[in-house]
């Protein structure tokens, strides 16, 4: 980022301090293999997923996978309908989740490994195999649950 990168480069050190490249023949500035990390960050960490039966994020699946040593994540995808956003934070066993669903769209919100919903913001969650789920219309929702 200090050298102007807005994508993940093939060689992290590809740009020298003077602005020249160590190899002009071998330096992709948007390398797919490393870009897969970005996909994982959107689809797993933030949990922003398109529903294949409703293209263009007309209906989204918001299912952040919470775990490891991560304590906080925030992500946003700019769809043709507007921003789809997910933000979560771990505080002990409690997770606070805020989701943003664009106007004229819907989403299924899934709470990863939820044992109990503490605050639902008016949504009704039902238990599934490894998560609890609720359908939501456009708007911003604040949810708290326990893992």
Protein backbone atom coordinates (compact mmCIF):
# COMPACT_ATOMS: atom_id res chain seq x y z
CA UNK A 1 0.00 0.00 0.00
CA UNK A 2 2.89 2.34 0.70
CA UNK A 3 3.88 1.98 -2.94
CA UNK A 4 0.41 2.65 -4.36
CA UNK A 5 -0.99 -0.89 -4.57
CA UNK A 6 -4.77 -1.20 -4.69
CA UNK A 7 -4.65 -4.89 -5.61
CA UNK A 8 -2.49 -7.83 -4.53
CA UNK A 9 0.73 -7.92 -6.55
CA UNK A 10 2.50 -11.07 -7.70
CA UNK A 11 5.70 -9.92 -5.98
CA UNK A 12 5.22 -8.09 -2.70
CA UNK A 13 8.61 -6.46 -3.22
CA UNK A 14 8.14 -5.91 -6.97
CA UNK A 15 8.41 -2.12 -6.78
CA UNK A 16 11.69 -0.62 -5.59
CA UNK A 17 11.82 2.51 -3.44
CA UNK A 18 12.84 4.59 -6.48
CA UNK A 19 9.66 3.50 -8.36
CA UNK A 20 11.35 1.04 -10.72
CA UNK A 21 10.47 -2.67 -10.79
CA UNK A 22 12.95 -5.40 -10.03
CA UNK A 23 11.56 -7.31 -13.04
CA UNK A 24 9.36 -5.61 -15.61
CA UNK A 25 8.73 -8.99 -17.32
CA UNK A 26 7.39 -10.79 -14.27
CA UNK A 27 5.17 -8.70 -12.07
CA UNK A 28 1.40 -8.97 -12.25
CA UNK A 29 -0.25 -6.09 -10.43
CA UNK A 30 -3.44 -8.06 -9.88
CA UNK A 31 -2.35 -11.62 -9.26
CA UNK A 32 -5.19 -14.15 -9.20
CA UNK A 33 -3.60 -16.64 -6.82
CA UNK A 34 -3.09 -13.96 -4.22
CA UNK A 35 -6.46 -12.45 -5.08
CA UNK A 36 -8.02 -15.63 -3.74
CA UNK A 37 -7.11 -14.28 -0.31
CA UNK A 38 -9.39 -11.33 -1.03
CA UNK A 39 -12.20 -13.67 -2.02
CA UNK A 40 -11.80 -15.56 1.26
CA UNK A 41 -11.91 -12.28 3.19
CA UNK A 42 -15.21 -11.31 1.52
CA UNK A 43 -16.86 -14.76 1.53
CA UNK A 44 -15.64 -16.21 4.84
CA UNK A 45 -14.46 -13.42 7.14
CA UNK A 46 -17.14 -10.90 6.18
CA UNK A 47 -19.53 -13.63 4.97
CA UNK A 48 -20.87 -11.67 1.99
CA UNK A 49 -22.16 -14.18 -0.55
CA UNK A 50 -24.31 -13.82 -3.64
CA UNK A 51 -27.33 -16.13 -3.85
CA UNK A 52 -26.94 -17.99 -7.16
CA UNK A 53 -30.72 -18.17 -7.58
CA UNK A 54 -31.02 -14.35 -7.39
CA UNK A 55 -28.16 -12.83 -9.45
CA UNK A 56 -26.63 -9.43 -8.82
CA UNK A 57 -27.19 -9.55 -5.05
CA UNK A 58 -30.98 -9.19 -5.36
CA UNK A 59 -30.88 -11.69 -2.47
CA UNK A 60 -27.68 -12.16 -0.51
CA UNK A 61 -26.49 -14.68 2.04
CA UNK A 62 -24.68 -12.99 4.93
CA UNK A 63 -22.80 -15.69 6.84
CA UNK A 64 -19.58 -14.49 8.46
CA UNK A 65 -17.41 -17.33 9.84
CA UNK A 66 -16.24 -16.19 13.23
CA UNK A 67 -13.23 -17.86 14.78
CA UNK A 68 -9.49 -18.14 15.05
CA UNK A 69 -7.88 -15.15 16.68
CA UNK A 70 -9.97 -12.59 14.80
CA UNK A 71 -11.88 -10.25 17.08
CA UNK A 72 -13.30 -7.81 14.52
CA UNK A 73 -14.11 -7.69 10.82
CA UNK A 74 -15.87 -5.18 8.60
CA UNK A 75 -16.52 -5.61 4.88
CA UNK A 76 -18.65 -4.06 2.18
CA UNK A 77 -19.52 -5.04 -1.37
CA UNK A 78 -20.88 -2.42 -3.76
CA UNK A 79 -23.61 -4.28 -5.71
CA UNK A 80 -25.80 -2.87 -8.47
CA UNK A 81 -28.46 -2.25 -5.79
CA UNK A 82 -26.13 -0.54 -3.33
CA UNK A 83 -23.76 -1.51 -0.55
CA UNK A 84 -24.03 -4.90 1.13
CA UNK A 85 -22.18 -4.61 4.43
CA UNK A 86 -21.22 -6.82 7.34
CA UNK A 87 -19.41 -5.85 10.53
CA UNK A 88 -18.86 -8.08 13.54
CA UNK A 89 -16.96 -7.96 16.82
CA UNK A 90 -16.22 -10.60 19.44
CA UNK A 91 -16.50 -9.63 23.11
CA UNK A 92 -15.96 -12.74 25.22
CA UNK A 93 -18.60 -15.26 24.09
CA UNK A 94 -20.85 -12.53 22.67
CA UNK A 95 -20.73 -11.44 19.04
CA UNK A 96 -22.25 -8.18 17.87
CA UNK A 97 -23.18 -8.16 14.20
CA UNK A 98 -24.33 -5.27 12.04
CA UNK A 99 -25.54 -5.95 8.50
CA UNK A 100 -26.54 -3.52 5.76
CA UNK A 101 -28.95 -4.70 3.06
CA UNK A 102 -29.61 -2.40 0.07
CA UNK A 103 -33.02 -1.00 -0.86
CA UNK A 104 -35.27 -3.38 -2.85
CA UNK A 105 -33.23 -6.45 -1.88
CA UNK A 106 -33.35 -9.17 0.76
CA UNK A 107 -30.85 -11.34 2.56
CA UNK A 108 -30.61 -14.43 4.69
CA UNK A 109 -28.57 -13.65 7.80
CA UNK A 110 -26.77 -16.63 9.30
CA UNK A 111 -25.27 -16.59 12.78
CA UNK A 112 -22.22 -18.88 12.85
CA UNK A 113 -22.37 -21.50 15.65
CA UNK A 114 -24.96 -19.43 17.53
CA UNK A 115 -26.18 -20.89 20.82
CA UNK A 116 -28.53 -18.04 21.68
CA UNK A 117 -29.71 -14.80 20.09
CA UNK A 118 -29.50 -11.96 22.61
CA UNK A 119 -30.70 -9.10 20.37
CA UNK A 120 -32.51 -9.76 17.09
CA UNK A 121 -33.55 -6.25 15.95
CA UNK A 122 -37.01 -7.61 15.16
CA UNK A 123 -35.84 -10.63 13.14
CA UNK A 124 -36.94 -14.20 13.87
CA UNK A 125 -34.04 -16.66 13.86
CA UNK A 126 -34.49 -20.41 13.45
CA UNK A 127 -31.95 -23.11 14.21
CA UNK A 128 -30.23 -24.85 11.30
CA UNK A 129 -27.36 -27.38 11.36
CA UNK A 130 -24.41 -25.16 12.40
CA UNK A 131 -26.04 -21.75 12.55
CA UNK A 132 -29.24 -19.80 13.20
CA UNK A 133 -30.87 -18.00 10.26
CA UNK A 134 -33.38 -15.25 9.54
CA UNK A 135 -34.70 -13.60 6.37
CA UNK A 136 -34.43 -9.81 6.30
CA UNK A 137 -35.54 -7.02 4.01
CA UNK A 138 -33.55 -3.93 3.16
CA UNK A 139 -32.16 -1.90 6.03
CA UNK A 140 -29.51 -1.99 8.72
CA UNK A 141 -29.77 -4.57 11.49
CA UNK A 142 -27.93 -4.84 14.79
CA UNK A 143 -27.79 -8.37 16.23
CA UNK A 144 -26.08 -9.86 19.27
CA UNK A 145 -25.63 -13.57 19.85
CA UNK A 146 -23.66 -16.02 21.88
CA UNK A 147 -21.44 -18.76 20.48
